[in-house]
Amino acid sequence: MENLVKDFLNQKSFAVAGSFRNETKVAYRIFKILREKGYEVFPVNPGVNEVEGVKCYPSISDIHSKVDAMNIVTSPKVTESIVKDCKKLDINRVWLQPGAESKEIIEFCKDNSIDVIYGLCVMLEGK
C-alpha cells in the first residue's frame, strides 16, 4: 500500500467527490489540502457550483481536463457509481476515504485494473 500512496501523491491532478457544504466536511478539507500542496483539484458534487472560486463539476465525466486520480468521500452507494465512471474514463487510481468503501467496490477496482487505496486518509498520508 505504501507504494500506491507514493504513486498517488506523485500525480498532478485529483478529482475529489463529496460534500462541500462547509469547510468542516472531509471532502472540503481534502480539496483545500491538495490545492495547498500544488495539485490541480477538481471538486465533484452535482449540487454545488463552485468551491473557493473553483468550478465544481456535477460528475467526473463533466471534467474536460486530465484527471490522474480520484479521491472519493461519499457513501458506498454513490461511490460505486463514481468508480464505474472512473473505469469508463480510464481513471485508474481511486482513493476511497474511510467510509466510502465496500468489499464490492474494492473488488470491482481490482478486477478492472484500477489501483485502489482504502482504509487510509489522504489528509494523513499526504503530510
N, C-alpha and C. Protein backbone atom coordinates (compact mmCIF):
# COMPACT_ATOMS: atom_id res chain seq x y z
N MET A 1 0.82 -1.20 0.00
CA MET A 1 0.00 0.00 0.00
C MET A 1 0.86 1.26 0.00
N GLU A 2 2.03 1.18 0.63
CA GLU A 2 2.92 2.35 0.70
C GLU A 2 3.32 2.83 -0.69
N ASN A 3 3.63 1.90 -1.60
CA ASN A 3 3.99 2.28 -2.97
C ASN A 3 2.82 2.92 -3.70
N LEU A 4 1.61 2.42 -3.46
CA LEU A 4 0.42 3.03 -4.07
C LEU A 4 0.24 4.47 -3.58
N VAL A 5 0.41 4.69 -2.31
CA VAL A 5 0.27 6.04 -1.75
C VAL A 5 1.28 6.97 -2.42
N LYS A 6 2.53 6.54 -2.52
CA LYS A 6 3.55 7.37 -3.17
C LYS A 6 3.18 7.66 -4.62
N ASP A 7 2.69 6.64 -5.34
CA ASP A 7 2.28 6.82 -6.73
C ASP A 7 1.16 7.86 -6.82
N PHE A 8 0.16 7.74 -5.98
CA PHE A 8 -0.95 8.69 -5.99
C PHE A 8 -0.45 10.10 -5.74
N LEU A 9 0.38 10.25 -4.72
CA LEU A 9 0.83 11.59 -4.34
C LEU A 9 1.82 12.19 -5.33
N ASN A 10 2.32 11.38 -6.26
CA ASN A 10 3.19 11.89 -7.31
C ASN A 10 2.42 12.36 -8.54
N GLN A 11 1.11 12.25 -8.52
CA GLN A 11 0.29 12.67 -9.65
C GLN A 11 0.12 14.19 -9.64
N LYS A 12 -0.41 14.73 -10.71
CA LYS A 12 -0.56 16.18 -10.85
C LYS A 12 -1.99 16.66 -10.54
N SER A 13 -2.99 15.82 -10.86
CA SER A 13 -4.37 16.29 -10.71
C SER A 13 -5.24 15.26 -10.01
N PHE A 14 -6.11 15.77 -9.16
CA PHE A 14 -7.06 14.95 -8.41
C PHE A 14 -8.47 15.49 -8.64
N ALA A 15 -9.42 14.59 -8.76
CA ALA A 15 -10.82 14.96 -8.62
C ALA A 15 -11.22 14.51 -7.22
N VAL A 16 -12.01 15.32 -6.54
CA VAL A 16 -12.47 14.98 -5.20
C VAL A 16 -13.99 15.02 -5.21
N ALA A 17 -14.62 13.88 -4.93
CA ALA A 17 -16.08 13.79 -4.90
C ALA A 17 -16.54 13.72 -3.45
N GLY A 18 -17.49 14.58 -3.12
CA GLY A 18 -18.03 14.57 -1.76
C GLY A 18 -18.80 15.83 -1.48
N SER A 19 -19.03 16.10 -0.20
CA SER A 19 -19.79 17.26 0.22
C SER A 19 -18.86 18.46 0.42
N PHE A 20 -19.27 19.59 -0.12
CA PHE A 20 -18.50 20.82 0.01
C PHE A 20 -19.36 21.92 0.65
N ARG A 21 -20.37 21.52 1.47
CA ARG A 21 -21.30 22.48 2.08
C ARG A 21 -20.59 23.48 2.99
N ASN A 22 -19.57 23.00 3.69
CA ASN A 22 -18.81 23.92 4.55
C ASN A 22 -17.42 23.34 4.78
N GLU A 23 -16.56 24.17 5.35
CA GLU A 23 -15.15 23.81 5.49
C GLU A 23 -14.89 22.66 6.47
N THR A 24 -15.88 22.26 7.24
CA THR A 24 -15.67 21.14 8.17
C THR A 24 -15.84 19.78 7.49
N LYS A 25 -16.41 19.76 6.30
CA LYS A 25 -16.63 18.50 5.59
C LYS A 25 -15.29 17.94 5.11
N VAL A 26 -15.16 16.63 5.17
CA VAL A 26 -13.89 15.97 4.82
C VAL A 26 -13.49 16.28 3.38
N ALA A 27 -14.42 16.19 2.45
CA ALA A 27 -14.09 16.47 1.04
C ALA A 27 -13.57 17.89 0.88
N TYR A 28 -14.18 18.84 1.58
CA TYR A 28 -13.75 20.23 1.50
C TYR A 28 -12.32 20.37 2.03
N ARG A 29 -12.05 19.72 3.15
CA ARG A 29 -10.71 19.79 3.74
C ARG A 29 -9.68 19.14 2.82
N ILE A 30 -10.03 18.00 2.21
CA ILE A 30 -9.12 17.34 1.27
C ILE A 30 -8.86 18.26 0.08
N PHE A 31 -9.92 18.86 -0.45
CA PHE A 31 -9.79 19.81 -1.56
C PHE A 31 -8.77 20.89 -1.23
N LYS A 32 -8.93 21.51 -0.05
CA LYS A 32 -8.03 22.59 0.35
C LYS A 32 -6.58 22.11 0.53
N ILE A 33 -6.41 20.98 1.19
CA ILE A 33 -5.05 20.46 1.42
C ILE A 33 -4.36 20.14 0.11
N LEU A 34 -5.05 19.48 -0.80
CA LEU A 34 -4.43 19.13 -2.09
C LEU A 34 -4.07 20.39 -2.88
N ARG A 35 -4.94 21.39 -2.87
CA ARG A 35 -4.63 22.65 -3.57
C ARG A 35 -3.43 23.34 -2.94
N GLU A 36 -3.38 23.35 -1.60
CA GLU A 36 -2.26 23.99 -0.91
C GLU A 36 -0.94 23.29 -1.25
N LYS A 37 -0.99 22.00 -1.54
CA LYS A 37 0.21 21.25 -1.89
C LYS A 37 0.55 21.37 -3.38
N GLY A 38 -0.24 22.12 -4.13
CA GLY A 38 0.08 22.41 -5.52
C GLY A 38 -0.58 21.51 -6.56
N TYR A 39 -1.48 20.65 -6.14
CA TYR A 39 -2.19 19.80 -7.10
C TYR A 39 -3.28 20.61 -7.80
N GLU A 40 -3.58 20.21 -9.04
CA GLU A 40 -4.77 20.71 -9.70
C GLU A 40 -5.91 19.85 -9.15
N VAL A 41 -6.95 20.49 -8.62
CA VAL A 41 -8.02 19.76 -7.95
C VAL A 41 -9.37 20.15 -8.55
N PHE A 42 -10.15 19.13 -8.89
CA PHE A 42 -11.47 19.31 -9.46
C PHE A 42 -12.52 18.81 -8.45
N PRO A 43 -13.27 19.70 -7.81
CA PRO A 43 -14.33 19.24 -6.91
C PRO A 43 -15.49 18.66 -7.73
N VAL A 44 -16.11 17.61 -7.19
CA VAL A 44 -17.22 16.95 -7.88
C VAL A 44 -18.39 16.79 -6.91
N ASN A 45 -19.50 17.44 -7.27
CA ASN A 45 -20.74 17.32 -6.50
C ASN A 45 -21.84 17.94 -7.35
N PRO A 46 -22.89 17.19 -7.66
CA PRO A 46 -23.94 17.72 -8.53
C PRO A 46 -24.74 18.87 -7.93
N GLY A 47 -24.64 19.11 -6.64
CA GLY A 47 -25.42 20.16 -6.00
C GLY A 47 -24.65 21.43 -5.69
N VAL A 48 -23.41 21.52 -6.15
CA VAL A 48 -22.57 22.67 -5.83
C VAL A 48 -22.01 23.26 -7.12
N ASN A 49 -22.01 24.59 -7.23
CA ASN A 49 -21.49 25.24 -8.45
C ASN A 49 -20.00 25.52 -8.38
N GLU A 50 -19.51 25.91 -7.19
CA GLU A 50 -18.08 26.21 -7.06
C GLU A 50 -17.63 26.04 -5.62
N VAL A 51 -16.34 25.81 -5.48
CA VAL A 51 -15.71 25.68 -4.17
C VAL A 51 -14.51 26.62 -4.17
N GLU A 52 -14.55 27.62 -3.32
CA GLU A 52 -13.48 28.62 -3.23
C GLU A 52 -13.08 29.17 -4.59
N GLY A 53 -14.08 29.48 -5.41
CA GLY A 53 -13.84 30.06 -6.72
C GLY A 53 -13.47 29.07 -7.80
N VAL A 54 -13.42 27.79 -7.48
CA VAL A 54 -13.10 26.73 -8.46
C VAL A 54 -14.40 26.07 -8.88
N LYS A 55 -14.60 25.93 -10.18
CA LYS A 55 -15.81 25.29 -10.69
C LYS A 55 -15.95 23.90 -10.09
N CYS A 56 -17.16 23.58 -9.64
CA CYS A 56 -17.47 22.24 -9.13
C CYS A 56 -18.26 21.52 -10.20
N TYR A 57 -17.86 20.31 -10.52
CA TYR A 57 -18.45 19.54 -11.60
C TYR A 57 -19.53 18.60 -11.08
N PRO A 58 -20.63 18.46 -11.84
CA PRO A 58 -21.69 17.55 -11.42
C PRO A 58 -21.24 16.08 -11.36
N SER A 59 -20.34 15.70 -12.26
CA SER A 59 -19.79 14.34 -12.27
C SER A 59 -18.40 14.37 -12.87
N ILE A 60 -17.66 13.29 -12.70
CA ILE A 60 -16.31 13.28 -13.26
C ILE A 60 -16.33 13.28 -14.78
N SER A 61 -17.41 12.81 -15.38
CA SER A 61 -17.48 12.82 -16.85
C SER A 61 -17.62 14.24 -17.39
N ASP A 62 -17.95 15.21 -16.54
CA ASP A 62 -18.05 16.61 -16.96
C ASP A 62 -16.72 17.35 -16.92
N ILE A 63 -15.70 16.72 -16.38
CA ILE A 63 -14.37 17.34 -16.32
C ILE A 63 -13.68 17.09 -17.66
N HIS A 64 -13.28 18.17 -18.31
CA HIS A 64 -12.68 18.02 -19.63
C HIS A 64 -11.16 18.20 -19.60
N SER A 65 -10.58 18.01 -18.44
CA SER A 65 -9.13 18.03 -18.28
C SER A 65 -8.71 16.65 -17.81
N LYS A 66 -7.42 16.37 -17.89
CA LYS A 66 -6.90 15.08 -17.45
C LYS A 66 -7.00 14.96 -15.93
N VAL A 67 -7.56 13.86 -15.47
CA VAL A 67 -7.65 13.56 -14.05
C VAL A 67 -6.76 12.35 -13.79
N ASP A 68 -5.73 12.54 -12.96
CA ASP A 68 -4.79 11.45 -12.67
C ASP A 68 -5.30 10.51 -11.60
N ALA A 69 -6.05 11.06 -10.64
CA ALA A 69 -6.51 10.25 -9.52
C ALA A 69 -7.84 10.79 -9.00
N MET A 70 -8.64 9.88 -8.49
CA MET A 70 -9.96 10.22 -7.95
C MET A 70 -9.95 9.96 -6.46
N ASN A 71 -10.35 10.95 -5.67
CA ASN A 71 -10.48 10.78 -4.23
C ASN A 71 -11.96 10.85 -3.92
N ILE A 72 -12.49 9.83 -3.24
CA ILE A 72 -13.93 9.74 -3.04
C ILE A 72 -14.28 9.77 -1.56
N VAL A 73 -15.20 10.69 -1.21
CA VAL A 73 -15.67 10.86 0.15
C VAL A 73 -17.21 10.85 0.09
N THR A 74 -17.77 9.72 -0.29
CA THR A 74 -19.22 9.60 -0.42
C THR A 74 -19.66 8.28 0.22
N SER A 75 -20.95 8.08 0.27
CA SER A 75 -21.46 6.80 0.77
C SER A 75 -21.11 5.71 -0.24
N PRO A 76 -20.99 4.46 0.20
CA PRO A 76 -20.64 3.38 -0.73
C PRO A 76 -21.57 3.30 -1.95
N LYS A 77 -22.85 3.59 -1.78
CA LYS A 77 -23.78 3.53 -2.92
C LYS A 77 -23.39 4.54 -4.00
N VAL A 78 -23.05 5.75 -3.59
CA VAL A 78 -22.62 6.79 -4.53
C VAL A 78 -21.23 6.46 -5.06
N THR A 79 -20.37 5.96 -4.19
CA THR A 79 -19.00 5.59 -4.58
C THR A 79 -19.02 4.59 -5.72
N GLU A 80 -19.91 3.62 -5.64
CA GLU A 80 -19.98 2.58 -6.68
C GLU A 80 -20.19 3.20 -8.06
N SER A 81 -21.09 4.13 -8.17
CA SER A 81 -21.36 4.80 -9.44
C SER A 81 -20.15 5.60 -9.92
N ILE A 82 -19.49 6.28 -9.01
CA ILE A 82 -18.31 7.08 -9.36
C ILE A 82 -17.18 6.18 -9.86
N VAL A 83 -16.97 5.07 -9.18
CA VAL A 83 -15.89 4.15 -9.58
C VAL A 83 -16.18 3.56 -10.97
N LYS A 84 -17.43 3.28 -11.26
CA LYS A 84 -17.78 2.78 -12.59
C LYS A 84 -17.51 3.84 -13.66
N ASP A 85 -17.78 5.11 -13.33
CA ASP A 85 -17.45 6.21 -14.24
C ASP A 85 -15.94 6.31 -14.43
N CYS A 86 -15.18 6.10 -13.36
CA CYS A 86 -13.71 6.12 -13.47
C CYS A 86 -13.24 5.09 -14.49
N LYS A 87 -13.81 3.89 -14.43
CA LYS A 87 -13.43 2.84 -15.37
C LYS A 87 -13.71 3.29 -16.80
N LYS A 88 -14.89 3.85 -17.05
CA LYS A 88 -15.25 4.32 -18.40
C LYS A 88 -14.31 5.41 -18.89
N LEU A 89 -13.81 6.23 -17.97
CA LEU A 89 -12.98 7.37 -18.33
C LEU A 89 -11.48 7.09 -18.23
N ASP A 90 -11.13 5.83 -17.98
CA ASP A 90 -9.72 5.42 -17.84
C ASP A 90 -8.99 6.16 -16.72
N ILE A 91 -9.69 6.45 -15.65
CA ILE A 91 -9.06 6.97 -14.44
C ILE A 91 -8.74 5.74 -13.61
N ASN A 92 -7.46 5.39 -13.54
CA ASN A 92 -7.11 4.10 -12.94
C ASN A 92 -6.46 4.21 -11.56
N ARG A 93 -6.70 5.33 -10.89
CA ARG A 93 -6.26 5.50 -9.50
C ARG A 93 -7.43 6.04 -8.70
N VAL A 94 -7.88 5.28 -7.71
CA VAL A 94 -9.02 5.68 -6.89
C VAL A 94 -8.64 5.55 -5.43
N TRP A 95 -8.84 6.63 -4.69
CA TRP A 95 -8.58 6.63 -3.25
C TRP A 95 -9.94 6.72 -2.56
N LEU A 96 -10.31 5.68 -1.85
CA LEU A 96 -11.57 5.63 -1.13
C LEU A 96 -11.32 6.04 0.31
N GLN A 97 -11.85 7.19 0.69
CA GLN A 97 -11.69 7.64 2.07
C GLN A 97 -12.46 6.69 2.99
N PRO A 98 -12.03 6.56 4.24
CA PRO A 98 -12.75 5.70 5.16
C PRO A 98 -14.25 6.01 5.19
N GLY A 99 -15.05 4.98 5.01
CA GLY A 99 -16.49 5.12 4.96
C GLY A 99 -17.05 5.14 3.55
N ALA A 100 -16.21 5.37 2.56
CA ALA A 100 -16.65 5.39 1.16
C ALA A 100 -16.55 4.01 0.52
N GLU A 101 -15.85 3.09 1.17
CA GLU A 101 -15.54 1.81 0.56
C GLU A 101 -16.54 0.73 0.93
N SER A 102 -16.53 -0.31 0.13
CA SER A 102 -17.22 -1.55 0.43
C SER A 102 -16.39 -2.66 -0.20
N LYS A 103 -16.61 -3.86 0.26
CA LYS A 103 -15.88 -5.01 -0.29
C LYS A 103 -16.12 -5.11 -1.80
N GLU A 104 -17.36 -4.87 -2.23
CA GLU A 104 -17.70 -4.98 -3.66
C GLU A 104 -16.98 -3.92 -4.49
N ILE A 105 -16.89 -2.71 -3.97
CA ILE A 105 -16.22 -1.63 -4.71
C ILE A 105 -14.72 -1.93 -4.83
N ILE A 106 -14.13 -2.38 -3.75
CA ILE A 106 -12.70 -2.71 -3.78
C ILE A 106 -12.44 -3.83 -4.79
N GLU A 107 -13.28 -4.85 -4.78
CA GLU A 107 -13.14 -5.96 -5.74
C GLU A 107 -13.33 -5.47 -7.17
N PHE A 108 -14.31 -4.59 -7.39
CA PHE A 108 -14.54 -4.02 -8.72
C PHE A 108 -13.27 -3.33 -9.22
N CYS A 109 -12.67 -2.52 -8.36
CA CYS A 109 -11.44 -1.83 -8.73
C CYS A 109 -10.34 -2.83 -9.10
N LYS A 110 -10.13 -3.80 -8.25
CA LYS A 110 -9.07 -4.78 -8.51
C LYS A 110 -9.34 -5.58 -9.78
N ASP A 111 -10.60 -5.94 -10.01
CA ASP A 111 -10.97 -6.71 -11.20
C ASP A 111 -10.86 -5.90 -12.48
N ASN A 112 -10.85 -4.58 -12.36
CA ASN A 112 -10.82 -3.70 -13.54
C ASN A 112 -9.53 -2.90 -13.64
N SER A 113 -8.47 -3.39 -13.02
CA SER A 113 -7.14 -2.77 -13.11
C SER A 113 -7.13 -1.32 -12.65
N ILE A 114 -7.91 -1.03 -11.63
CA ILE A 114 -7.90 0.30 -11.02
C ILE A 114 -7.13 0.18 -9.72
N ASP A 115 -6.05 0.94 -9.60
CA ASP A 115 -5.30 0.96 -8.34
C ASP A 115 -6.19 1.61 -7.29
N VAL A 116 -6.37 0.93 -6.17
CA VAL A 116 -7.30 1.43 -5.16
C VAL A 116 -6.63 1.48 -3.79
N ILE A 117 -6.81 2.61 -3.13
CA ILE A 117 -6.36 2.78 -1.75
C ILE A 117 -7.61 2.90 -0.90
N TYR A 118 -7.63 2.20 0.22
CA TYR A 118 -8.76 2.27 1.13
C TYR A 118 -8.25 2.04 2.54
N GLY A 119 -9.01 2.54 3.51
CA GLY A 119 -8.60 2.40 4.91
C GLY A 119 -7.57 3.42 5.35
N LEU A 120 -7.19 4.33 4.46
CA LEU A 120 -6.23 5.39 4.77
C LEU A 120 -6.81 6.72 4.35
N CYS A 121 -6.51 7.76 5.09
CA CYS A 121 -6.99 9.10 4.75
C CYS A 121 -5.87 9.88 4.05
N VAL A 122 -6.18 10.47 2.92
CA VAL A 122 -5.19 11.24 2.17
C VAL A 122 -4.68 12.42 2.99
N MET A 123 -5.50 12.95 3.91
CA MET A 123 -5.05 14.08 4.72
C MET A 123 -3.92 13.68 5.64
N LEU A 124 -3.92 12.45 6.10
CA LEU A 124 -2.86 11.97 6.99
C LEU A 124 -1.66 11.48 6.19
N GLU A 125 -1.91 10.78 5.10
CA GLU A 125 -0.83 10.20 4.31
C GLU A 125 -0.08 11.25 3.51
N GLY A 126 -0.75 12.32 3.15
CA GLY A 126 -0.14 13.33 2.28
C GLY A 126 0.73 14.33 3.00
N LYS A 127 0.84 14.22 4.31
CA LYS A 127 1.63 15.22 5.06
C LYS A 127 3.11 14.93 4.98
